[in-house]
Amino acid sequence: MSIDIRKYDFDFLSSPSVDYKKELELVRGEKKIQQSLQNEEEANELWRVEHRLLIFYEYSELFLLLKKEDFYQAWCKAEAIELAIENLSTNYPEDSIITQFILQCIHKLQQLYPYRLFMSTEIVVKECECSICGTKLTPRKHCNHRIRKVYNGEMCHHIVKKANLIGVSIVSNPEHKYTVLFAKSNGGSQTDQYDYSTVKALLAIWKAPFQHWDYSTRVSYHPKRKKKIDLDSLCPCMSGKLYKDCCLDKPGIRHVHITFLLP
């Protein structure tokens, strides 16, 4: 194999000078060669390197989206990176050391976002097939491939061909984070009603993708308004909970003060 996979460590992948697209092209080209030769061990190792590169590349792109204040797209990319890290760690648990920094930053970033309510869909899958062997899968018919396991340089997943939508609900802890609820204008178009001031405050000090940052929080309570708050309305503290389940019995409206920390 013409590629030395040992060089793709954290220091190399987080270097400002790395050309992710060029490296991905080299690794994917070599992976195709090893796949054609049925060298499964080598092809799987190249899948491993490919996904390391993808995770670091997408994280750098996430940072650029934030700087452009394209906040929803950055949120979606963060979720995609989470899934990619999970897939890599499932097959190569030792790689969690390399991706730990990125995963921690994503989790901290997600906590700073104002999104609290999401849409959740319930579906019944009628027909799907294995991405590796193409077998049509049913409750009584399976193949020997396991979801998320890598075979000859490709990860197994099930391709849904037919499904029925059973229901839709609003949740605060969704399976798919991209299902953020947005308001609509009088004309029917989607509008972004969220306040991103906390994320913007972070971006004022966060200057490079792999710069270390953290934050601390302090809770205070603001006096409640004289106007009575509907018990079944969303709490003014922006927790995403109903007022009766959140700040009703507290000394005021909960407010979180955030202080950003740099090493």
C-alpha atoms as a PDB file:
ATOM      1  CA  MET A   1       0.000   0.000   0.000  1.00  0.00           C
ATOM      2  CA  SER A   2       1.440   3.358  -1.091  1.00  0.00           C
ATOM      3  CA  ILE A   3      -0.072   5.426   1.766  1.00  0.00           C
ATOM      4  CA  ASP A   4       1.406   5.577   5.258  1.00  0.00           C
ATOM      5  CA  ILE A   5      -1.691   5.710   7.435  1.00  0.00           C
ATOM      6  CA  ARG A   6       0.372   6.445  10.553  1.00  0.00           C
ATOM      7  CA  LYS A   7       0.834  10.089   9.534  1.00  0.00           C
ATOM      8  CA  TYR A   8      -2.893  10.869   9.896  1.00  0.00           C
ATOM      9  CA  ASP A   9      -2.775  11.697  13.602  1.00  0.00           C
ATOM     10  CA  PHE A  10      -4.308  14.692  15.408  1.00  0.00           C
ATOM     11  CA  ASP A  11      -1.302  16.956  14.844  1.00  0.00           C
ATOM     12  CA  PHE A  12      -1.345  16.368  11.097  1.00  0.00           C
ATOM     13  CA  LEU A  13      -5.119  16.536  10.709  1.00  0.00           C
ATOM     14  CA  SER A  14      -5.446  19.769  12.701  1.00  0.00           C
ATOM     15  CA  SER A  15      -2.579  21.516  10.924  1.00  0.00           C
ATOM     16  CA  PRO A  16      -3.590  24.760   9.123  1.00  0.00           C
ATOM     17  CA  SER A  17      -1.522  23.673   6.124  1.00  0.00           C
ATOM     18  CA  VAL A  18      -3.249  20.341   5.464  1.00  0.00           C
ATOM     19  CA  ASP A  19      -5.099  20.110   2.127  1.00  0.00           C
ATOM     20  CA  TYR A  20      -8.060  17.910   3.058  1.00  0.00           C
ATOM     21  CA  LYS A  21      -9.395  17.586  -0.480  1.00  0.00           C
ATOM     22  CA  LYS A  22      -6.026  16.488  -1.851  1.00  0.00           C
ATOM     23  CA  GLU A  23      -5.505  13.985   0.950  1.00  0.00           C
ATOM     24  CA  LEU A  24      -9.017  12.589   0.492  1.00  0.00           C
ATOM     25  CA  GLU A  25      -8.423  12.149  -3.229  1.00  0.00           C
ATOM     26  CA  LEU A  26      -5.214  10.195  -2.551  1.00  0.00           C
ATOM     27  CA  VAL A  27      -6.782   7.988   0.107  1.00  0.00           C
ATOM     28  CA  ARG A  28      -9.922   7.255  -1.922  1.00  0.00           C
ATOM     29  CA  GLY A  29      -7.848   6.394  -4.971  1.00  0.00           C
ATOM     30  CA  GLU A  30      -5.772   3.925  -2.988  1.00  0.00           C
ATOM     31  CA  LYS A  31      -8.911   2.491  -1.371  1.00  0.00           C
ATOM     32  CA  LYS A  32     -10.401   1.699  -4.794  1.00  0.00           C
ATOM     33  CA  ILE A  33      -7.217  -0.160  -5.735  1.00  0.00           C
ATOM     34  CA  GLN A  34      -7.288  -2.247  -2.570  1.00  0.00           C
ATOM     35  CA  GLN A  35     -11.021  -2.933  -2.995  1.00  0.00           C
ATOM     36  CA  SER A  36     -10.496  -4.165  -6.534  1.00  0.00           C
ATOM     37  CA  LEU A  37      -7.778  -6.512  -5.245  1.00  0.00           C
ATOM     38  CA  GLN A  38     -10.123  -7.727  -2.472  1.00  0.00           C
ATOM     39  CA  ASN A  39      -7.553  -6.688   0.133  1.00  0.00           C
ATOM     40  CA  GLU A  40     -10.203  -6.158   2.797  1.00  0.00           C
ATOM     41  CA  GLU A  41      -7.876  -5.345   5.685  1.00  0.00           C
ATOM     42  CA  GLU A  42      -6.081  -2.630   3.707  1.00  0.00           C
ATOM     43  CA  ALA A  43      -9.359  -1.263   2.297  1.00  0.00           C
ATOM     44  CA  ASN A  44     -10.821  -1.037   5.802  1.00  0.00           C
ATOM     45  CA  GLU A  45      -7.765   0.813   7.094  1.00  0.00           C
ATOM     46  CA  LEU A  46      -8.125   3.291   4.244  1.00  0.00           C
ATOM     47  CA  TRP A  47     -11.815   3.764   5.111  1.00  0.00           C
ATOM     48  CA  ARG A  48     -10.586   4.569   8.601  1.00  0.00           C
ATOM     49  CA  VAL A  49      -8.180   7.233   7.332  1.00  0.00           C
ATOM     50  CA  GLU A  50     -10.804   8.595   4.922  1.00  0.00           C
ATOM     51  CA  HIS A  51     -13.217   9.159   7.793  1.00  0.00           C
ATOM     52  CA  ARG A  52     -10.589  10.776   9.967  1.00  0.00           C
ATOM     53  CA  LEU A  53      -9.955  13.223   7.138  1.00  0.00           C
ATOM     54  CA  LEU A  54     -13.675  13.801   6.556  1.00  0.00           C
ATOM     55  CA  ILE A  55     -14.319  14.558  10.219  1.00  0.00           C
ATOM     56  CA  PHE A  56     -11.537  17.139  10.428  1.00  0.00           C
ATOM     57  CA  TYR A  57     -12.439  18.639   7.054  1.00  0.00           C
ATOM     58  CA  GLU A  58     -16.132  18.978   7.946  1.00  0.00           C
ATOM     59  CA  TYR A  59     -15.233  20.471  11.307  1.00  0.00           C
ATOM     60  CA  SER A  60     -13.171  23.145   9.529  1.00  0.00           C
ATOM     61  CA  GLU A  61     -16.140  23.792   7.233  1.00  0.00           C
ATOM     62  CA  LEU A  62     -18.410  24.038  10.277  1.00  0.00           C
ATOM     63  CA  PHE A  63     -16.201  26.800  11.646  1.00  0.00           C
ATOM     64  CA  LEU A  64     -16.464  28.726   8.345  1.00  0.00           C
ATOM     65  CA  LEU A  65     -20.266  28.413   8.366  1.00  0.00           C
ATOM     66  CA  LEU A  66     -20.357  29.879  11.854  1.00  0.00           C
ATOM     67  CA  LYS A  67     -18.164  32.777  10.797  1.00  0.00           C
ATOM     68  CA  LYS A  68     -20.606  33.426   7.927  1.00  0.00           C
ATOM     69  CA  GLU A  69     -23.432  33.326  10.506  1.00  0.00           C
ATOM     70  CA  ASP A  70     -25.092  30.473   8.633  1.00  0.00           C
ATOM     71  CA  PHE A  71     -26.129  29.066  11.968  1.00  0.00           C
ATOM     72  CA  TYR A  72     -28.671  26.418  10.978  1.00  0.00           C
ATOM     73  CA  GLN A  73     -26.376  24.874   8.345  1.00  0.00           C
ATOM     74  CA  ALA A  74     -23.582  24.836  10.913  1.00  0.00           C
ATOM     75  CA  TRP A  75     -25.939  23.065  13.342  1.00  0.00           C
ATOM     76  CA  CYS A  76     -26.731  20.402  10.732  1.00  0.00           C
ATOM     77  CA  LYS A  77     -23.056  19.898   9.913  1.00  0.00           C
ATOM     78  CA  ALA A  78     -22.291  19.468  13.620  1.00  0.00           C
ATOM     79  CA  GLU A  79     -24.802  16.619  13.782  1.00  0.00           C
ATOM     80  CA  ALA A  80     -23.295  15.004  10.675  1.00  0.00           C
ATOM     81  CA  ILE A  81     -19.842  15.149  12.281  1.00  0.00           C
ATOM     82  CA  GLU A  82     -21.234  13.557  15.445  1.00  0.00           C
ATOM     83  CA  LEU A  83     -22.560  10.656  13.385  1.00  0.00           C
ATOM     84  CA  ALA A  84     -19.282  10.291  11.484  1.00  0.00           C
ATOM     85  CA  ILE A  85     -17.348  10.145  14.763  1.00  0.00           C
ATOM     86  CA  GLU A  86     -19.765   7.538  16.095  1.00  0.00           C
ATOM     87  CA  ASN A  87     -19.320   5.416  12.953  1.00  0.00           C
ATOM     88  CA  LEU A  88     -15.530   5.665  13.178  1.00  0.00           C
ATOM     89  CA  SER A  89     -15.487   4.833  16.885  1.00  0.00           C
ATOM     90  CA  THR A  90     -17.803   1.851  16.363  1.00  0.00           C
ATOM     91  CA  ASN A  91     -15.269   0.250  14.047  1.00  0.00           C
ATOM     92  CA  TYR A  92     -12.092   1.666  15.612  1.00  0.00           C
ATOM     93  CA  PRO A  93     -12.712   2.556  19.298  1.00  0.00           C
ATOM     94  CA  GLU A  94      -9.094   3.657  19.727  1.00  0.00           C
ATOM     95  CA  ASP A  95      -9.705   6.526  17.269  1.00  0.00           C
ATOM     96  CA  SER A  96     -11.857   8.282  19.859  1.00  0.00           C
ATOM     97  CA  ILE A  97      -8.604   9.780  21.176  1.00  0.00           C
ATOM     98  CA  ILE A  98      -8.080  11.558  17.836  1.00  0.00           C
ATOM     99  CA  THR A  99     -11.662  12.845  17.550  1.00  0.00           C
ATOM    100  CA  GLN A 100     -12.215  13.648  21.233  1.00  0.00           C
ATOM    101  CA  PHE A 101     -11.365  17.346  20.868  1.00  0.00           C
ATOM    102  CA  ILE A 102     -13.829  17.841  18.006  1.00  0.00           C
ATOM    103  CA  LEU A 103     -16.634  15.940  19.736  1.00  0.00           C
ATOM    104  CA  GLN A 104     -16.207  17.961  22.932  1.00  0.00           C
ATOM    105  CA  CYS A 105     -16.285  21.246  20.998  1.00  0.00           C
ATOM    106  CA  ILE A 106     -19.430  20.201  19.129  1.00  0.00           C
ATOM    107  CA  HIS A 107     -21.234  19.272  22.340  1.00  0.00           C
ATOM    108  CA  LYS A 108     -20.292  22.604  23.936  1.00  0.00           C
ATOM    109  CA  LEU A 109     -21.380  24.480  20.826  1.00  0.00           C
ATOM    110  CA  GLN A 110     -24.744  22.686  20.706  1.00  0.00           C
ATOM    111  CA  GLN A 111     -25.422  23.706  24.310  1.00  0.00           C
ATOM    112  CA  LEU A 112     -24.960  27.365  23.327  1.00  0.00           C
ATOM    113  CA  TYR A 113     -27.544  27.213  20.533  1.00  0.00           C
ATOM    114  CA  PRO A 114     -31.065  28.545  21.187  1.00  0.00           C
ATOM    115  CA  TYR A 115     -32.828  25.533  19.634  1.00  0.00           C
ATOM    116  CA  ARG A 116     -35.120  23.802  22.137  1.00  0.00           C
ATOM    117  CA  LEU A 117     -38.004  22.268  20.153  1.00  0.00           C
ATOM    118  CA  PHE A 118     -37.766  19.760  17.316  1.00  0.00           C
ATOM    119  CA  MET A 119     -39.992  17.621  15.128  1.00  0.00           C
ATOM    120  CA  SER A 120     -39.957  13.860  15.528  1.00  0.00           C
ATOM    121  CA  THR A 121     -41.478  11.487  12.979  1.00  0.00           C
ATOM    122  CA  GLU A 122     -42.675   7.950  13.590  1.00  0.00           C
ATOM    123  CA  ILE A 123     -42.389   5.630  10.599  1.00  0.00           C
ATOM    124  CA  VAL A 124     -42.863   1.951   9.857  1.00  0.00           C
ATOM    125  CA  VAL A 125     -40.307   0.579   7.402  1.00  0.00           C
ATOM    126  CA  LYS A 126     -41.941  -1.693   4.831  1.00  0.00           C
ATOM    127  CA  GLU A 127     -38.967  -2.508   2.644  1.00  0.00           C
ATOM    128  CA  CYS A 128     -35.212  -1.977   2.921  1.00  0.00           C
ATOM    129  CA  GLU A 129     -32.034  -3.531   1.571  1.00  0.00           C
ATOM    130  CA  CYS A 130     -28.443  -4.056   2.659  1.00  0.00           C
ATOM    131  CA  SER A 131     -25.974  -1.553   1.157  1.00  0.00           C
ATOM    132  CA  ILE A 132     -23.253  -4.224   0.967  1.00  0.00           C
ATOM    133  CA  CYS A 133     -24.944  -7.209  -0.645  1.00  0.00           C
ATOM    134  CA  GLY A 134     -28.242  -5.742  -1.855  1.00  0.00           C
ATOM    135  CA  THR A 135     -30.345  -8.311   0.000  1.00  0.00           C
ATOM    136  CA  LYS A 136     -33.962  -7.205   0.473  1.00  0.00           C
ATOM    137  CA  LEU A 137     -34.516  -7.362   4.203  1.00  0.00           C
ATOM    138  CA  THR A 138     -37.702  -8.291   6.048  1.00  0.00           C
ATOM    139  CA  PRO A 139     -38.415  -9.224   9.684  1.00  0.00           C
ATOM    140  CA  ARG A 140     -37.886 -12.845   8.621  1.00  0.00           C
ATOM    141  CA  LYS A 141     -35.098 -12.382   6.107  1.00  0.00           C
ATOM    142  CA  HIS A 142     -31.642 -11.139   7.070  1.00  0.00           C
ATOM    143  CA  CYS A 143     -28.131 -11.123   5.659  1.00  0.00           C
ATOM    144  CA  ASN A 144     -24.801 -11.676   7.404  1.00  0.00           C
ATOM    145  CA  HIS A 145     -23.783  -8.015   7.360  1.00  0.00           C
ATOM    146  CA  ARG A 146     -24.081  -5.837  10.458  1.00  0.00           C
ATOM    147  CA  ILE A 147     -25.150  -2.195  10.345  1.00  0.00           C
ATOM    148  CA  ARG A 148     -22.208   0.218  10.786  1.00  0.00           C
ATOM    149  CA  LYS A 149     -19.580  -2.476  10.344  1.00  0.00           C
ATOM    150  CA  VAL A 150     -17.043  -1.866   7.559  1.00  0.00           C
ATOM    151  CA  TYR A 151     -16.645  -4.484   4.823  1.00  0.00           C
ATOM    152  CA  ASN A 152     -13.918  -4.122   2.204  1.00  0.00           C
ATOM    153  CA  GLY A 153     -13.743  -0.367   2.715  1.00  0.00           C
ATOM    154  CA  GLU A 154     -17.474   0.382   2.855  1.00  0.00           C
ATOM    155  CA  MET A 155     -19.743   0.701   5.882  1.00  0.00           C
ATOM    156  CA  CYS A 156     -22.954  -1.314   5.983  1.00  0.00           C
ATOM    157  CA  HIS A 157     -26.247   0.536   6.264  1.00  0.00           C
ATOM    158  CA  HIS A 158     -29.831  -0.278   5.401  1.00  0.00           C
ATOM    159  CA  ILE A 159     -31.407   1.564   2.481  1.00  0.00           C
ATOM    160  CA  VAL A 160     -35.098   2.222   3.087  1.00  0.00           C
ATOM    161  CA  LYS A 161     -37.157   1.647  -0.052  1.00  0.00           C
ATOM    162  CA  LYS A 162     -40.695   1.882   1.331  1.00  0.00           C
ATOM    163  CA  ALA A 163     -42.007   3.308   4.585  1.00  0.00           C
ATOM    164  CA  ASN A 164     -45.255   4.594   6.070  1.00  0.00           C
ATOM    165  CA  LEU A 165     -45.470   7.772   8.112  1.00  0.00           C
ATOM    166  CA  ILE A 166     -47.399   7.032  11.318  1.00  0.00           C
ATOM    167  CA  GLY A 167     -47.195  10.307  13.190  1.00  0.00           C
ATOM    168  CA  VAL A 168     -45.365  13.539  13.944  1.00  0.00           C
ATOM    169  CA  SER A 169     -44.694  15.025  17.369  1.00  0.00           C
ATOM    170  CA  ILE A 170     -42.815  17.923  18.930  1.00  0.00           C
ATOM    171  CA  VAL A 171     -39.955  16.915  21.228  1.00  0.00           C
ATOM    172  CA  SER A 172     -37.071  18.521  23.112  1.00  0.00           C
ATOM    173  CA  ASN A 173     -34.619  15.627  22.783  1.00  0.00           C
ATOM    174  CA  PRO A 174     -34.819  14.481  19.151  1.00  0.00           C
ATOM    175  CA  GLU A 175     -33.195  11.529  17.433  1.00  0.00           C
ATOM    176  CA  HIS A 176     -32.397  13.837  14.508  1.00  0.00           C
ATOM    177  CA  LYS A 177     -31.180  17.267  15.604  1.00  0.00           C
ATOM    178  CA  TYR A 178     -31.672  18.844  12.164  1.00  0.00           C
ATOM    179  CA  THR A 179     -35.471  18.815  12.669  1.00  0.00           C
ATOM    180  CA  VAL A 180     -35.476  22.283  14.245  1.00  0.00           C
ATOM    181  CA  LEU A 181     -38.846  24.036  14.373  1.00  0.00           C
ATOM    182  CA  PHE A 182     -38.908  27.397  12.574  1.00  0.00           C
ATOM    183  CA  ALA A 183     -41.661  29.986  12.443  1.00  0.00           C
ATOM    184  CA  LYS A 184     -43.415  31.050   9.251  1.00  0.00           C
ATOM    185  CA  SER A 185     -44.062  34.565   8.043  1.00  0.00           C
ATOM    186  CA  ASN A 186     -47.511  35.832   7.059  1.00  0.00           C
ATOM    187  CA  GLY A 187     -46.623  34.939   3.493  1.00  0.00           C
ATOM    188  CA  GLY A 188     -45.935  31.336   4.449  1.00  0.00           C
ATOM    189  CA  SER A 189     -42.157  31.372   4.044  1.00  0.00           C
ATOM    190  CA  GLN A 190     -39.893  30.022   6.759  1.00  0.00           C
ATOM    191  CA  THR A 191     -38.242  32.559   9.033  1.00  0.00           C
ATOM    192  CA  ASP A 192     -35.437  32.157  11.543  1.00  0.00           C
ATOM    193  CA  GLN A 193     -36.798  33.565  14.789  1.00  0.00           C
ATOM    194  CA  TYR A 194     -33.913  32.484  17.017  1.00  0.00           C
ATOM    195  CA  ASP A 195     -31.506  34.666  18.986  1.00  0.00           C
ATOM    196  CA  TYR A 196     -27.921  33.623  18.273  1.00  0.00           C
ATOM    197  CA  SER A 197     -26.284  36.275  20.463  1.00  0.00           C
ATOM    198  CA  THR A 198     -24.559  33.686  22.685  1.00  0.00           C
ATOM    199  CA  VAL A 199     -23.006  31.914  19.689  1.00  0.00           C
ATOM    200  CA  LYS A 200     -21.953  35.277  18.269  1.00  0.00           C
ATOM    201  CA  ALA A 201     -20.261  36.132  21.568  1.00  0.00           C
ATOM    202  CA  LEU A 202     -18.242  32.923  21.259  1.00  0.00           C
ATOM    203  CA  LEU A 203     -17.279  33.723  17.663  1.00  0.00           C
ATOM    204  CA  ALA A 204     -15.893  37.076  18.790  1.00  0.00           C
ATOM    205  CA  ILE A 205     -13.087  35.248  20.625  1.00  0.00           C
ATOM    206  CA  TRP A 206     -12.909  31.958  18.682  1.00  0.00           C
ATOM    207  CA  LYS A 207     -10.381  32.712  15.940  1.00  0.00           C
ATOM    208  CA  ALA A 208      -9.403  29.303  14.507  1.00  0.00           C
ATOM    209  CA  PRO A 209     -11.131  25.895  14.241  1.00  0.00           C
ATOM    210  CA  PHE A 210      -8.736  24.046  16.528  1.00  0.00           C
ATOM    211  CA  GLN A 211      -8.324  26.786  19.101  1.00  0.00           C
ATOM    212  CA  HIS A 212      -9.184  25.584  22.610  1.00  0.00           C
ATOM    213  CA  TRP A 213     -12.134  27.298  24.302  1.00  0.00           C
ATOM    214  CA  ASP A 214     -14.553  26.640  27.106  1.00  0.00           C
ATOM    215  CA  TYR A 215     -17.200  28.439  29.118  1.00  0.00           C
ATOM    216  CA  SER A 216     -18.630  28.637  32.616  1.00  0.00           C
ATOM    217  CA  THR A 217     -22.200  29.432  33.649  1.00  0.00           C
ATOM    218  CA  ARG A 218     -23.859  31.273  36.518  1.00  0.00           C
ATOM    219  CA  VAL A 219     -27.613  31.231  37.165  1.00  0.00           C
ATOM    220  CA  SER A 220     -29.600  34.230  38.406  1.00  0.00           C
ATOM    221  CA  TYR A 221     -33.335  34.983  38.566  1.00  0.00           C
ATOM    222  CA  HIS A 222     -34.899  38.066  36.998  1.00  0.00           C
ATOM    223  CA  PRO A 223     -38.068  39.507  38.551  1.00  0.00           C
ATOM    224  CA  LYS A 224     -41.257  38.171  37.009  1.00  0.00           C
ATOM    225  CA  ARG A 225     -43.341  40.507  34.880  1.00  0.00           C
ATOM    226  CA  LYS A 226     -46.434  42.069  36.406  1.00  0.00           C
ATOM    227  CA  LYS A 227     -48.458  40.718  33.494  1.00  0.00           C
ATOM    228  CA  LYS A 228     -49.560  37.177  34.296  1.00  0.00           C
ATOM    229  CA  ILE A 229     -47.842  34.484  32.244  1.00  0.00           C
ATOM    230  CA  ASP A 230     -50.021  31.753  30.752  1.00  0.00           C
ATOM    231  CA  LEU A 231     -49.205  28.498  32.569  1.00  0.00           C
ATOM    232  CA  ASP A 232     -49.297  26.518  29.330  1.00  0.00           C
ATOM    233  CA  SER A 233     -47.093  28.915  27.346  1.00  0.00           C
ATOM    234  CA  LEU A 234     -43.380  28.402  26.799  1.00  0.00           C
ATOM    235  CA  CYS A 235     -41.312  29.647  29.701  1.00  0.00           C
ATOM    236  CA  PRO A 236     -39.647  33.056  29.121  1.00  0.00           C
ATOM    237  CA  CYS A 237     -36.321  31.579  30.251  1.00  0.00           C
ATOM    238  CA  MET A 238     -36.111  29.841  26.831  1.00  0.00           C
ATOM    239  CA  SER A 239     -35.727  26.370  28.327  1.00  0.00           C
ATOM    240  CA  GLY A 240     -38.256  24.947  25.882  1.00  0.00           C
ATOM    241  CA  LYS A 241     -40.461  23.816  28.777  1.00  0.00           C
ATOM    242  CA  LEU A 242     -43.901  25.085  29.683  1.00  0.00           C
ATOM    243  CA  TYR A 243     -43.959  27.889  32.236  1.00  0.00           C
ATOM    244  CA  LYS A 244     -45.878  25.738  34.763  1.00  0.00           C
ATOM    245  CA  ASP A 245     -43.155  23.055  34.535  1.00  0.00           C
ATOM    246  CA  CYS A 246     -40.238  25.459  34.718  1.00  0.00           C
ATOM    247  CA  CYS A 247     -40.042  28.872  36.433  1.00  0.00           C
ATOM    248  CA  LEU A 248     -43.528  29.093  37.960  1.00  0.00           C
ATOM    249  CA  ASP A 249     -42.378  28.024  41.436  1.00  0.00           C
ATOM    250  CA  LYS A 250     -38.963  29.695  41.225  1.00  0.00           C
ATOM    251  CA  PRO A 251     -38.075  33.100  42.713  1.00  0.00           C
ATOM    252  CA  GLY A 252     -37.950  34.638  39.245  1.00  0.00           C
ATOM    253  CA  ILE A 253     -37.302  33.886  35.589  1.00  0.00           C
ATOM    254  CA  ARG A 254     -34.158  31.809  35.299  1.00  0.00           C
ATOM    255  CA  HIS A 255     -31.315  33.501  33.426  1.00  0.00           C
ATOM    256  CA  VAL A 256     -27.985  31.874  32.614  1.00  0.00           C
ATOM    257  CA  HIS A 257     -24.888  34.094  32.478  1.00  0.00           C
ATOM    258  CA  ILE A 258     -22.106  32.657  30.300  1.00  0.00           C
ATOM    259  CA  THR A 259     -18.424  33.519  30.565  1.00  0.00           C
ATOM    260  CA  PHE A 260     -16.145  32.305  27.790  1.00  0.00           C
ATOM    261  CA  LEU A 261     -12.720  31.007  28.721  1.00  0.00           C
ATOM    262  CA  LEU A 262      -9.544  30.784  26.660  1.00  0.00           C
ATOM    263  CA  PRO A 263      -6.408  28.907  27.806  1.00  0.00           C
END
